[in-house]
């Protein structure tokens, strides 16, 4: 990325009522057919699906779960269930931006969550970070969301999509969640972004980054890191994306904000990515905004937790 959230049924209904989500305390062991059906039913009966339907009354559709881009993380370790859909690396092997070094050692599945962690690379100023990416690419129309608790780090916790050619990017959530006094503004302002990259064909370097970012705050202005929240996107077409946090519409991305000189917009398949990372526009500052050894060693601060990722595709009734 560049500059670059009791019983199960109660949780889902709370999700789509627009309220802050509450952590599930019971989970099934696998994503079975009856679980898929329940997730689909709850989503189709929820207020978010209704809001989408009200915005396009000309359509008569229902939503089906895209299981290759969905996971409840109801298992322990990166087992066969994990490996079915995910790589524990970036999709093309890139090691990451800035001081980031993505490594498979910093991702795991524990206690019903995907755990993306950060740690110091010994004897350097670099940071080991976890990342997972989808094995397949996906394209609109879809609604996709994570329920996640972002890390208490000056690093960026992210849920995003990038095309194979590195030229189109959609960031559903990008946030620097650290609790330092001088980082309060960043921890309270979650970003949703689009990027259109003009690149040099010879070495893939960026000639120009045409980007648009919208920041979103909680009603009380508190930091997003304090609780689990849902971060979602309805990617309707190449020029229409609606961003929802905790079931509430926070950003409407349209043609005029994407500003694509080729007039193509977000027109291509993309990989799904969940990760932590350093951004060089922060780590190159004087003084640099980078995590300390103490922050990285603190297990209460160094983890980005994802309860689930769910992706739905509309189908005609």
C-alpha atoms as a PDB file:
ATOM      1  CA  UNK A   1       0.000   0.000   0.000  1.00  0.00           C
ATOM      2  CA  UNK A   2       1.068   3.508  -0.546  1.00  0.00           C
ATOM      3  CA  UNK A   3       0.397   6.184   2.148  1.00  0.00           C
ATOM      4  CA  UNK A   4      -1.146   3.739   2.043  1.00  0.00           C
ATOM      5  CA  UNK A   5     -14.173  -4.870  13.437  1.00  0.00           C
ATOM      6  CA  UNK A   6     -23.789 -14.459  23.608  1.00  0.00           C
ATOM      7  CA  UNK A   7     -24.230 -16.198  20.415  1.00  0.00           C
ATOM      8  CA  UNK A   8     -23.272 -16.114  16.859  1.00  0.00           C
ATOM      9  CA  UNK A   9     -26.615 -14.948  15.467  1.00  0.00           C
ATOM     10  CA  UNK A  10     -26.619 -11.954  17.802  1.00  0.00           C
ATOM     11  CA  UNK A  11     -23.239 -10.833  16.515  1.00  0.00           C
ATOM     12  CA  UNK A  12     -24.271 -10.830  12.860  1.00  0.00           C
ATOM     13  CA  UNK A  13     -27.472  -8.910  13.505  1.00  0.00           C
ATOM     14  CA  UNK A  14     -25.491  -6.377  15.537  1.00  0.00           C
ATOM     15  CA  UNK A  15     -22.991  -6.022  12.714  1.00  0.00           C
ATOM     16  CA  UNK A  16     -25.507  -4.860  10.192  1.00  0.00           C
ATOM     17  CA  UNK A  17     -27.534  -2.704  12.533  1.00  0.00           C
ATOM     18  CA  UNK A  18     -24.741  -0.122  12.225  1.00  0.00           C
ATOM     19  CA  UNK A  19     -23.556  -0.655  15.796  1.00  0.00           C
ATOM     20  CA  UNK A  20     -20.018  -1.498  16.837  1.00  0.00           C
ATOM     21  CA  UNK A  21     -19.532  -5.239  16.605  1.00  0.00           C
ATOM     22  CA  UNK A  22     -18.982  -7.382  19.689  1.00  0.00           C
ATOM     23  CA  UNK A  23     -16.503 -10.251  19.723  1.00  0.00           C
ATOM     24  CA  UNK A  24     -17.934 -13.733  19.171  1.00  0.00           C
ATOM     25  CA  UNK A  25     -17.291 -16.165  22.006  1.00  0.00           C
ATOM     26  CA  UNK A  26     -18.378 -19.403  20.349  1.00  0.00           C
ATOM     27  CA  UNK A  27     -17.403 -20.670  16.920  1.00  0.00           C
ATOM     28  CA  UNK A  28     -17.772 -23.774  14.827  1.00  0.00           C
ATOM     29  CA  UNK A  29     -14.661 -25.669  13.780  1.00  0.00           C
ATOM     30  CA  UNK A  30     -15.047 -25.450   9.999  1.00  0.00           C
ATOM     31  CA  UNK A  31     -16.859 -23.382   7.401  1.00  0.00           C
ATOM     32  CA  UNK A  32     -19.496 -26.001   6.608  1.00  0.00           C
ATOM     33  CA  UNK A  33     -22.437 -25.682   4.236  1.00  0.00           C
ATOM     34  CA  UNK A  34     -24.863 -24.854   7.056  1.00  0.00           C
ATOM     35  CA  UNK A  35     -22.502 -22.139   8.303  1.00  0.00           C
ATOM     36  CA  UNK A  36     -22.275 -20.648   4.809  1.00  0.00           C
ATOM     37  CA  UNK A  37     -26.069 -20.683   4.527  1.00  0.00           C
ATOM     38  CA  UNK A  38     -26.449 -18.965   7.902  1.00  0.00           C
ATOM     39  CA  UNK A  39     -23.906 -16.267   7.033  1.00  0.00           C
ATOM     40  CA  UNK A  40     -25.704 -15.637   3.728  1.00  0.00           C
ATOM     41  CA  UNK A  41     -29.130 -15.540   5.393  1.00  0.00           C
ATOM     42  CA  UNK A  42     -28.000 -13.144   8.091  1.00  0.00           C
ATOM     43  CA  UNK A  43     -26.359 -10.846   5.574  1.00  0.00           C
ATOM     44  CA  UNK A  44     -29.359 -10.848   3.225  1.00  0.00           C
ATOM     45  CA  UNK A  45     -31.665 -10.051   6.148  1.00  0.00           C
ATOM     46  CA  UNK A  46     -29.384  -7.354   7.544  1.00  0.00           C
ATOM     47  CA  UNK A  47     -29.649  -3.589   7.286  1.00  0.00           C
ATOM     48  CA  UNK A  48     -26.526  -3.259   5.139  1.00  0.00           C
ATOM     49  CA  UNK A  49     -27.890  -5.478   2.362  1.00  0.00           C
ATOM     50  CA  UNK A  50     -31.155  -3.534   2.606  1.00  0.00           C
ATOM     51  CA  UNK A  51     -29.301  -0.228   2.285  1.00  0.00           C
ATOM     52  CA  UNK A  52     -27.544  -1.476  -0.831  1.00  0.00           C
ATOM     53  CA  UNK A  53     -30.845  -2.713  -2.272  1.00  0.00           C
ATOM     54  CA  UNK A  54     -32.529   0.632  -1.550  1.00  0.00           C
ATOM     55  CA  UNK A  55     -29.766   2.422  -3.429  1.00  0.00           C
ATOM     56  CA  UNK A  56     -30.455   0.406  -6.593  1.00  0.00           C
ATOM     57  CA  UNK A  57     -34.168  -0.502  -6.616  1.00  0.00           C
ATOM     58  CA  UNK A  58     -33.979  -1.459 -10.274  1.00  0.00           C
ATOM     59  CA  UNK A  59     -32.141  -4.640  -9.315  1.00  0.00           C
ATOM     60  CA  UNK A  60     -33.622  -7.774  -7.761  1.00  0.00           C
ATOM     61  CA  UNK A  61     -30.760  -9.696  -6.220  1.00  0.00           C
ATOM     62  CA  UNK A  62     -29.589 -11.740  -3.302  1.00  0.00           C
ATOM     63  CA  UNK A  63     -26.075 -12.247  -1.937  1.00  0.00           C
ATOM     64  CA  UNK A  64     -24.014 -15.425  -1.951  1.00  0.00           C
ATOM     65  CA  UNK A  65     -20.788 -16.001  -0.020  1.00  0.00           C
ATOM     66  CA  UNK A  66     -17.580 -16.158  -2.073  1.00  0.00           C
ATOM     67  CA  UNK A  67     -15.890 -18.898  -0.064  1.00  0.00           C
ATOM     68  CA  UNK A  68     -12.489 -18.454  -1.749  1.00  0.00           C
ATOM     69  CA  UNK A  69     -12.351 -14.942  -0.264  1.00  0.00           C
ATOM     70  CA  UNK A  70     -13.982 -15.660   3.098  1.00  0.00           C
ATOM     71  CA  UNK A  71     -12.721 -17.200   6.318  1.00  0.00           C
ATOM     72  CA  UNK A  72     -14.049 -17.416   9.889  1.00  0.00           C
ATOM     73  CA  UNK A  73     -10.589 -18.505  11.139  1.00  0.00           C
ATOM     74  CA  UNK A  74     -12.223 -21.164  13.308  1.00  0.00           C
ATOM     75  CA  UNK A  75      -9.155 -23.387  13.453  1.00  0.00           C
ATOM     76  CA  UNK A  76      -5.684 -23.399  14.970  1.00  0.00           C
ATOM     77  CA  UNK A  77      -2.555 -22.738  12.947  1.00  0.00           C
ATOM     78  CA  UNK A  78      -2.043 -22.317   9.227  1.00  0.00           C
ATOM     79  CA  UNK A  79      -3.454 -25.722   8.371  1.00  0.00           C
ATOM     80  CA  UNK A  80      -5.050 -27.096   5.204  1.00  0.00           C
ATOM     81  CA  UNK A  81      -8.114 -24.895   5.705  1.00  0.00           C
ATOM     82  CA  UNK A  82      -5.883 -21.808   5.697  1.00  0.00           C
ATOM     83  CA  UNK A  83      -3.757 -22.937   2.778  1.00  0.00           C
ATOM     84  CA  UNK A  84      -6.835 -23.558   0.626  1.00  0.00           C
ATOM     85  CA  UNK A  85      -7.417 -19.829   0.101  1.00  0.00           C
ATOM     86  CA  UNK A  86      -4.395 -17.941   1.390  1.00  0.00           C
ATOM     87  CA  UNK A  87      -0.703 -17.383   0.851  1.00  0.00           C
ATOM     88  CA  UNK A  88       1.214 -16.285   3.959  1.00  0.00           C
ATOM     89  CA  UNK A  89       3.302 -14.064   1.691  1.00  0.00           C
ATOM     90  CA  UNK A  90       2.580 -11.127  -0.576  1.00  0.00           C
ATOM     91  CA  UNK A  91       1.039 -12.401  -3.807  1.00  0.00           C
ATOM     92  CA  UNK A  92       4.130 -11.784  -5.941  1.00  0.00           C
ATOM     93  CA  UNK A  93       6.884 -12.267  -3.381  1.00  0.00           C
ATOM     94  CA  UNK A  94       7.649  -8.573  -2.756  1.00  0.00           C
ATOM     95  CA  UNK A  95       9.069  -8.100   0.751  1.00  0.00           C
ATOM     96  CA  UNK A  96       7.227  -4.851   1.510  1.00  0.00           C
ATOM     97  CA  UNK A  97       7.485  -1.041   1.546  1.00  0.00           C
ATOM     98  CA  UNK A  98       9.765   1.131   3.642  1.00  0.00           C
ATOM     99  CA  UNK A  99      11.363  -0.720   6.544  1.00  0.00           C
ATOM    100  CA  UNK A 100       8.906  -3.622   6.195  1.00  0.00           C
ATOM    101  CA  UNK A 101      10.058  -7.187   5.724  1.00  0.00           C
ATOM    102  CA  UNK A 102       7.017  -9.411   5.308  1.00  0.00           C
ATOM    103  CA  UNK A 103       7.576 -12.909   6.632  1.00  0.00           C
ATOM    104  CA  UNK A 104       5.415 -15.988   7.051  1.00  0.00           C
ATOM    105  CA  UNK A 105       6.703 -16.264  10.635  1.00  0.00           C
ATOM    106  CA  UNK A 106       4.568 -13.259  11.607  1.00  0.00           C
ATOM    107  CA  UNK A 107       1.157 -14.643  10.682  1.00  0.00           C
ATOM    108  CA  UNK A 108      -0.845 -17.312  12.479  1.00  0.00           C
ATOM    109  CA  UNK A 109      -4.378 -18.426  13.333  1.00  0.00           C
ATOM    110  CA  UNK A 110      -5.133 -18.621  17.064  1.00  0.00           C
ATOM    111  CA  UNK A 111      -8.230 -18.523  19.266  1.00  0.00           C
ATOM    112  CA  UNK A 112     -10.557 -17.801  16.372  1.00  0.00           C
ATOM    113  CA  UNK A 113      -8.502 -14.954  14.892  1.00  0.00           C
ATOM    114  CA  UNK A 114      -6.038 -14.409  12.124  1.00  0.00           C
ATOM    115  CA  UNK A 115      -3.033 -12.910  13.939  1.00  0.00           C
ATOM    116  CA  UNK A 116      -0.784 -10.544  11.997  1.00  0.00           C
ATOM    117  CA  UNK A 117       2.174  -9.498  14.149  1.00  0.00           C
ATOM    118  CA  UNK A 118       5.193  -7.196  14.038  1.00  0.00           C
ATOM    119  CA  UNK A 119       8.673  -7.738  15.490  1.00  0.00           C
ATOM    120  CA  UNK A 120      12.179  -6.324  15.184  1.00  0.00           C
ATOM    121  CA  UNK A 121      14.580  -7.795  12.678  1.00  0.00           C
ATOM    122  CA  UNK A 122      17.596  -8.386  14.927  1.00  0.00           C
ATOM    123  CA  UNK A 123      20.425  -5.841  14.780  1.00  0.00           C
ATOM    124  CA  UNK A 124      18.630  -3.632  12.253  1.00  0.00           C
ATOM    125  CA  UNK A 125      16.037  -0.867  12.129  1.00  0.00           C
ATOM    126  CA  UNK A 126      13.825  -3.034   9.931  1.00  0.00           C
ATOM    127  CA  UNK A 127      10.514  -4.570  10.999  1.00  0.00           C
ATOM    128  CA  UNK A 128       9.282  -8.085  10.406  1.00  0.00           C
ATOM    129  CA  UNK A 129       5.550  -7.982   9.601  1.00  0.00           C
ATOM    130  CA  UNK A 130       2.908 -10.538   8.765  1.00  0.00           C
ATOM    131  CA  UNK A 131       0.912 -10.580   5.545  1.00  0.00           C
ATOM    132  CA  UNK A 132      -1.587 -12.872   3.865  1.00  0.00           C
ATOM    133  CA  UNK A 133      -2.868 -12.601   0.298  1.00  0.00           C
ATOM    134  CA  UNK A 134      -5.564 -14.429  -1.616  1.00  0.00           C
ATOM    135  CA  UNK A 135      -4.517 -17.197  -3.977  1.00  0.00           C
ATOM    136  CA  UNK A 136      -6.975 -15.949  -6.567  1.00  0.00           C
ATOM    137  CA  UNK A 137      -7.970 -12.542  -7.919  1.00  0.00           C
ATOM    138  CA  UNK A 138     -11.444 -11.103  -7.572  1.00  0.00           C
ATOM    139  CA  UNK A 139     -13.456  -8.448  -9.385  1.00  0.00           C
ATOM    140  CA  UNK A 140     -16.678  -6.512  -8.820  1.00  0.00           C
ATOM    141  CA  UNK A 141     -19.528  -6.687  -8.064  1.00  0.00           C
ATOM    142  CA  UNK A 142     -18.837  -7.773  -4.489  1.00  0.00           C
ATOM    143  CA  UNK A 143     -19.334  -6.695  -0.901  1.00  0.00           C
ATOM    144  CA  UNK A 144     -16.351  -7.600   1.283  1.00  0.00           C
ATOM    145  CA  UNK A 145     -15.465  -6.894   4.903  1.00  0.00           C
ATOM    146  CA  UNK A 146     -13.241  -7.824   7.804  1.00  0.00           C
ATOM    147  CA  UNK A 147     -14.053  -7.702  11.484  1.00  0.00           C
ATOM    148  CA  UNK A 148     -10.771  -6.666  13.019  1.00  0.00           C
ATOM    149  CA  UNK A 149      -8.909  -5.075  15.923  1.00  0.00           C
ATOM    150  CA  UNK A 150      -6.059  -2.975  14.561  1.00  0.00           C
ATOM    151  CA  UNK A 151      -2.616  -3.078  16.125  1.00  0.00           C
ATOM    152  CA  UNK A 152      -1.467  -0.552  18.704  1.00  0.00           C
ATOM    153  CA  UNK A 153       1.517   0.398  16.538  1.00  0.00           C
ATOM    154  CA  UNK A 154       2.732   3.338  14.466  1.00  0.00           C
ATOM    155  CA  UNK A 155       2.770   0.794  11.638  1.00  0.00           C
ATOM    156  CA  UNK A 156      -0.232   0.578   9.319  1.00  0.00           C
ATOM    157  CA  UNK A 157      -2.909  -2.112   9.793  1.00  0.00           C
ATOM    158  CA  UNK A 158      -4.515  -2.786   6.405  1.00  0.00           C
ATOM    159  CA  UNK A 159      -7.233  -4.565   4.452  1.00  0.00           C
ATOM    160  CA  UNK A 160      -6.793  -3.846   0.749  1.00  0.00           C
ATOM    161  CA  UNK A 161      -6.842  -4.960  -2.880  1.00  0.00           C
ATOM    162  CA  UNK A 162      -4.214  -4.615  -5.621  1.00  0.00           C
ATOM    163  CA  UNK A 163      -4.189  -5.603  -9.274  1.00  0.00           C
ATOM    164  CA  UNK A 164      -1.559  -7.991 -10.601  1.00  0.00           C
ATOM    165  CA  UNK A 165       0.024  -5.222 -12.689  1.00  0.00           C
ATOM    166  CA  UNK A 166       0.336  -2.968  -9.594  1.00  0.00           C
ATOM    167  CA  UNK A 167      -1.646  -0.208 -11.304  1.00  0.00           C
ATOM    168  CA  UNK A 168      -4.968  -0.197  -9.423  1.00  0.00           C
ATOM    169  CA  UNK A 169      -5.439  -0.255  -5.655  1.00  0.00           C
ATOM    170  CA  UNK A 170      -8.378  -0.100  -3.261  1.00  0.00           C
ATOM    171  CA  UNK A 171      -7.698   0.316   0.462  1.00  0.00           C
ATOM    172  CA  UNK A 172     -10.726  -0.551   2.573  1.00  0.00           C
ATOM    173  CA  UNK A 173      -8.899   0.280   5.797  1.00  0.00           C
ATOM    174  CA  UNK A 174      -5.446   1.761   6.367  1.00  0.00           C
ATOM    175  CA  UNK A 175      -4.709   3.032   9.857  1.00  0.00           C
ATOM    176  CA  UNK A 176      -1.761   3.872  12.092  1.00  0.00           C
ATOM    177  CA  UNK A 177      -3.104   2.695  15.432  1.00  0.00           C
ATOM    178  CA  UNK A 178      -0.303   3.578  17.858  1.00  0.00           C
ATOM    179  CA  UNK A 179      -0.984   5.167  21.262  1.00  0.00           C
ATOM    180  CA  UNK A 180       1.837   7.718  21.285  1.00  0.00           C
ATOM    181  CA  UNK A 181       0.700  11.184  22.298  1.00  0.00           C
ATOM    182  CA  UNK A 182       1.768  12.727  18.980  1.00  0.00           C
ATOM    183  CA  UNK A 183      -0.034   9.978  17.021  1.00  0.00           C
ATOM    184  CA  UNK A 184      -3.537  10.493  18.448  1.00  0.00           C
ATOM    185  CA  UNK A 185      -4.886  12.006  15.231  1.00  0.00           C
ATOM    186  CA  UNK A 186      -3.758   9.058  13.118  1.00  0.00           C
ATOM    187  CA  UNK A 187      -5.157   6.493  15.579  1.00  0.00           C
ATOM    188  CA  UNK A 188      -8.576   8.187  15.457  1.00  0.00           C
ATOM    189  CA  UNK A 189      -8.715   8.629  11.664  1.00  0.00           C
ATOM    190  CA  UNK A 190      -9.075   5.465   9.586  1.00  0.00           C
ATOM    191  CA  UNK A 191      -8.371   5.930   5.881  1.00  0.00           C
ATOM    192  CA  UNK A 192     -10.070   4.430   2.825  1.00  0.00           C
ATOM    193  CA  UNK A 193      -8.154   5.113  -0.373  1.00  0.00           C
ATOM    194  CA  UNK A 194      -7.899   4.573  -4.099  1.00  0.00           C
ATOM    195  CA  UNK A 195      -4.703   4.668  -6.140  1.00  0.00           C
ATOM    196  CA  UNK A 196      -4.143   4.773  -9.887  1.00  0.00           C
ATOM    197  CA  UNK A 197      -0.438   4.191 -10.557  1.00  0.00           C
ATOM    198  CA  UNK A 198       1.300   5.274 -13.735  1.00  0.00           C
ATOM    199  CA  UNK A 199       4.376   3.045 -13.900  1.00  0.00           C
ATOM    200  CA  UNK A 200       7.593   2.736 -15.842  1.00  0.00           C
ATOM    201  CA  UNK A 201       7.258  -0.398 -17.961  1.00  0.00           C
ATOM    202  CA  UNK A 202      10.968  -1.164 -17.742  1.00  0.00           C
ATOM    203  CA  UNK A 203      11.295  -1.424 -13.949  1.00  0.00           C
ATOM    204  CA  UNK A 204       7.729  -0.953 -12.591  1.00  0.00           C
ATOM    205  CA  UNK A 205       8.757   2.201 -10.728  1.00  0.00           C
ATOM    206  CA  UNK A 206       6.009   4.723 -10.020  1.00  0.00           C
ATOM    207  CA  UNK A 207       5.886   7.686 -12.376  1.00  0.00           C
ATOM    208  CA  UNK A 208       2.762   9.120 -10.767  1.00  0.00           C
ATOM    209  CA  UNK A 209       0.403   8.070  -7.970  1.00  0.00           C
ATOM    210  CA  UNK A 210      -3.085   9.501  -8.479  1.00  0.00           C
ATOM    211  CA  UNK A 211      -4.725   8.921  -5.121  1.00  0.00           C
ATOM    212  CA  UNK A 212      -7.707   9.964  -3.075  1.00  0.00           C
ATOM    213  CA  UNK A 213      -8.040   9.375   0.671  1.00  0.00           C
ATOM    214  CA  UNK A 214     -11.028   9.866   2.979  1.00  0.00           C
ATOM    215  CA  UNK A 215     -10.586   9.751   6.753  1.00  0.00           C
ATOM    216  CA  UNK A 216     -13.288   8.418   9.079  1.00  0.00           C
ATOM    217  CA  UNK A 217     -13.683   8.854  12.848  1.00  0.00           C
ATOM    218  CA  UNK A 218     -15.752   7.106  15.468  1.00  0.00           C
ATOM    219  CA  UNK A 219     -18.642   9.196  16.860  1.00  0.00           C
ATOM    220  CA  UNK A 220     -16.786   9.802  20.140  1.00  0.00           C
ATOM    221  CA  UNK A 221     -13.421  10.365  18.459  1.00  0.00           C
ATOM    222  CA  UNK A 222     -11.811   7.456  20.285  1.00  0.00           C
ATOM    223  CA  UNK A 223      -9.003   5.441  18.646  1.00  0.00           C
ATOM    224  CA  UNK A 224     -10.102   2.586  16.410  1.00  0.00           C
ATOM    225  CA  UNK A 225      -7.618   0.219  18.082  1.00  0.00           C
ATOM    226  CA  UNK A 226      -9.653  -0.058  21.287  1.00  0.00           C
ATOM    227  CA  UNK A 227     -12.207  -2.533  19.921  1.00  0.00           C
ATOM    228  CA  UNK A 228     -13.100  -4.853  17.083  1.00  0.00           C
ATOM    229  CA  UNK A 229     -14.845  -3.056  14.196  1.00  0.00           C
ATOM    230  CA  UNK A 230     -16.087  -4.043  10.766  1.00  0.00           C
ATOM    231  CA  UNK A 231     -14.457  -2.470   7.702  1.00  0.00           C
ATOM    232  CA  UNK A 232     -16.195  -3.190   4.411  1.00  0.00           C
ATOM    233  CA  UNK A 233     -16.528  -2.163   0.778  1.00  0.00           C
ATOM    234  CA  UNK A 234     -19.293  -2.558  -1.791  1.00  0.00           C
ATOM    235  CA  UNK A 235     -17.285  -2.604  -5.017  1.00  0.00           C
ATOM    236  CA  UNK A 236     -20.148  -2.238  -7.469  1.00  0.00           C
ATOM    237  CA  UNK A 237     -18.249  -1.440 -10.664  1.00  0.00           C
ATOM    238  CA  UNK A 238     -15.104   0.245 -11.958  1.00  0.00           C
ATOM    239  CA  UNK A 239     -16.231   3.690 -10.817  1.00  0.00           C
ATOM    240  CA  UNK A 240     -18.465   2.918  -7.829  1.00  0.00           C
ATOM    241  CA  UNK A 241     -17.246   1.802  -4.402  1.00  0.00           C
ATOM    242  CA  UNK A 242     -19.033   2.452  -1.110  1.00  0.00           C
ATOM    243  CA  UNK A 243     -17.040   2.052   2.115  1.00  0.00           C
ATOM    244  CA  UNK A 244     -18.799   0.953   5.317  1.00  0.00           C
ATOM    245  CA  UNK A 245     -17.366   0.979   8.835  1.00  0.00           C
ATOM    246  CA  UNK A 246     -19.469  -0.756  11.491  1.00  0.00           C
ATOM    247  CA  UNK A 247     -22.252  -0.961   8.910  1.00  0.00           C
ATOM    248  CA  UNK A 248     -22.314   2.805   8.325  1.00  0.00           C
ATOM    249  CA  UNK A 249     -21.530   4.442   4.985  1.00  0.00           C
ATOM    250  CA  UNK A 250     -18.368   6.551   5.432  1.00  0.00           C
ATOM    251  CA  UNK A 251     -17.051   7.073   1.900  1.00  0.00           C
ATOM    252  CA  UNK A 252     -18.511   7.065  -1.608  1.00  0.00           C
ATOM    253  CA  UNK A 253     -15.831   6.564  -4.248  1.00  0.00           C
ATOM    254  CA  UNK A 254     -16.875   7.705  -7.710  1.00  0.00           C
ATOM    255  CA  UNK A 255     -15.341   8.471 -11.090  1.00  0.00           C
ATOM    256  CA  UNK A 256     -14.442  12.047 -10.239  1.00  0.00           C
ATOM    257  CA  UNK A 257     -12.435  10.997  -7.171  1.00  0.00           C
ATOM    258  CA  UNK A 258     -10.604   8.128  -8.910  1.00  0.00           C
ATOM    259  CA  UNK A 259      -9.318  10.578 -11.580  1.00  0.00           C
ATOM    260  CA  UNK A 260      -8.051   7.905 -13.948  1.00  0.00           C
ATOM    261  CA  UNK A 261      -6.415   9.488 -17.043  1.00  0.00           C
ATOM    262  CA  UNK A 262      -7.129   6.255 -18.961  1.00  0.00           C
ATOM    263  CA  UNK A 263     -10.804   6.416 -17.922  1.00  0.00           C
ATOM    264  CA  UNK A 264     -10.705   2.781 -16.804  1.00  0.00           C
ATOM    265  CA  UNK A 265     -11.111   3.129 -13.051  1.00  0.00           C
ATOM    266  CA  UNK A 266     -10.894   0.058 -10.822  1.00  0.00           C
ATOM    267  CA  UNK A 267     -11.665  -2.108 -13.821  1.00  0.00           C
ATOM    268  CA  UNK A 268      -9.559  -5.208 -13.214  1.00  0.00           C
ATOM    269  CA  UNK A 269      -9.237  -8.236 -10.990  1.00  0.00           C
ATOM    270  CA  UNK A 270      -7.336  -7.734  -7.748  1.00  0.00           C
ATOM    271  CA  UNK A 271      -5.740  -9.760  -4.991  1.00  0.00           C
ATOM    272  CA  UNK A 272      -7.038  -9.415  -1.426  1.00  0.00           C
ATOM    273  CA  UNK A 273      -4.354  -8.534   1.153  1.00  0.00           C
ATOM    274  CA  UNK A 274      -4.356  -8.281   4.967  1.00  0.00           C
ATOM    275  CA  UNK A 275      -1.138  -7.047   6.572  1.00  0.00           C
ATOM    276  CA  UNK A 276       0.931  -4.798   8.798  1.00  0.00           C
ATOM    277  CA  UNK A 277       3.570  -2.535   7.226  1.00  0.00           C
ATOM    278  CA  UNK A 278       5.861   0.452   7.597  1.00  0.00           C
ATOM    279  CA  UNK A 279       5.424   3.396   5.223  1.00  0.00           C
ATOM    280  CA  UNK A 280       8.519   5.270   4.181  1.00  0.00           C
ATOM    281  CA  UNK A 281       6.810   8.677   4.193  1.00  0.00           C
ATOM    282  CA  UNK A 282       6.731   8.185   7.972  1.00  0.00           C
ATOM    283  CA  UNK A 283       9.958   6.278   8.606  1.00  0.00           C
ATOM    284  CA  UNK A 284      11.964   8.791   6.540  1.00  0.00           C
ATOM    285  CA  UNK A 285      10.821  11.743   8.623  1.00  0.00           C
ATOM    286  CA  UNK A 286      13.234  13.492  10.965  1.00  0.00           C
ATOM    287  CA  UNK A 287      12.771  12.153  13.554  1.00  0.00           C
ATOM    288  CA  UNK A 288      11.373   8.983  11.994  1.00  0.00           C
ATOM    289  CA  UNK A 289       7.964   7.618  12.975  1.00  0.00           C
ATOM    290  CA  UNK A 290       8.942   3.999  13.492  1.00  0.00           C
ATOM    291  CA  UNK A 291       8.168   1.445  16.201  1.00  0.00           C
ATOM    292  CA  UNK A 292      10.574   1.117  19.112  1.00  0.00           C
ATOM    293  CA  UNK A 293      12.010  -2.190  20.267  1.00  0.00           C
ATOM    294  CA  UNK A 294       9.824  -1.931  23.370  1.00  0.00           C
ATOM    295  CA  UNK A 295       6.647  -1.394  21.346  1.00  0.00           C
ATOM    296  CA  UNK A 296       7.426  -4.311  19.060  1.00  0.00           C
ATOM    297  CA  UNK A 297       8.197  -6.611  22.010  1.00  0.00           C
ATOM    298  CA  UNK A 298       4.889  -5.808  23.742  1.00  0.00           C
ATOM    299  CA  UNK A 299       2.469  -8.643  22.989  1.00  0.00           C
ATOM    300  CA  UNK A 300      -0.467  -6.399  23.924  1.00  0.00           C
ATOM    301  CA  UNK A 301       0.503  -3.984  21.162  1.00  0.00           C
ATOM    302  CA  UNK A 302       2.185  -5.899  18.361  1.00  0.00           C
ATOM    303  CA  UNK A 303      -0.784  -7.815  16.921  1.00  0.00           C
ATOM    304  CA  UNK A 304      -3.459  -7.019  14.336  1.00  0.00           C
ATOM    305  CA  UNK A 305      -6.376  -9.415  14.907  1.00  0.00           C
ATOM    306  CA  UNK A 306      -8.917 -10.402  12.253  1.00  0.00           C
ATOM    307  CA  UNK A 307     -11.984 -12.266  13.485  1.00  0.00           C
ATOM    308  CA  UNK A 308     -13.248 -12.978   9.981  1.00  0.00           C
ATOM    309  CA  UNK A 309     -13.195 -11.891   6.375  1.00  0.00           C
ATOM    310  CA  UNK A 310     -16.446 -12.314   4.416  1.00  0.00           C
ATOM    311  CA  UNK A 311     -17.024 -11.603   0.760  1.00  0.00           C
ATOM    312  CA  UNK A 312     -20.413 -11.733  -0.959  1.00  0.00           C
ATOM    313  CA  UNK A 313     -21.433 -11.565  -4.614  1.00  0.00           C
ATOM    314  CA  UNK A 314     -24.899 -10.469  -5.770  1.00  0.00           C
ATOM    315  CA  UNK A 315     -26.909 -12.880  -7.895  1.00  0.00           C
ATOM    316  CA  UNK A 316     -30.276 -12.389  -9.544  1.00  0.00           C
ATOM    317  CA  UNK A 317     -33.236 -13.735  -7.614  1.00  0.00           C
END
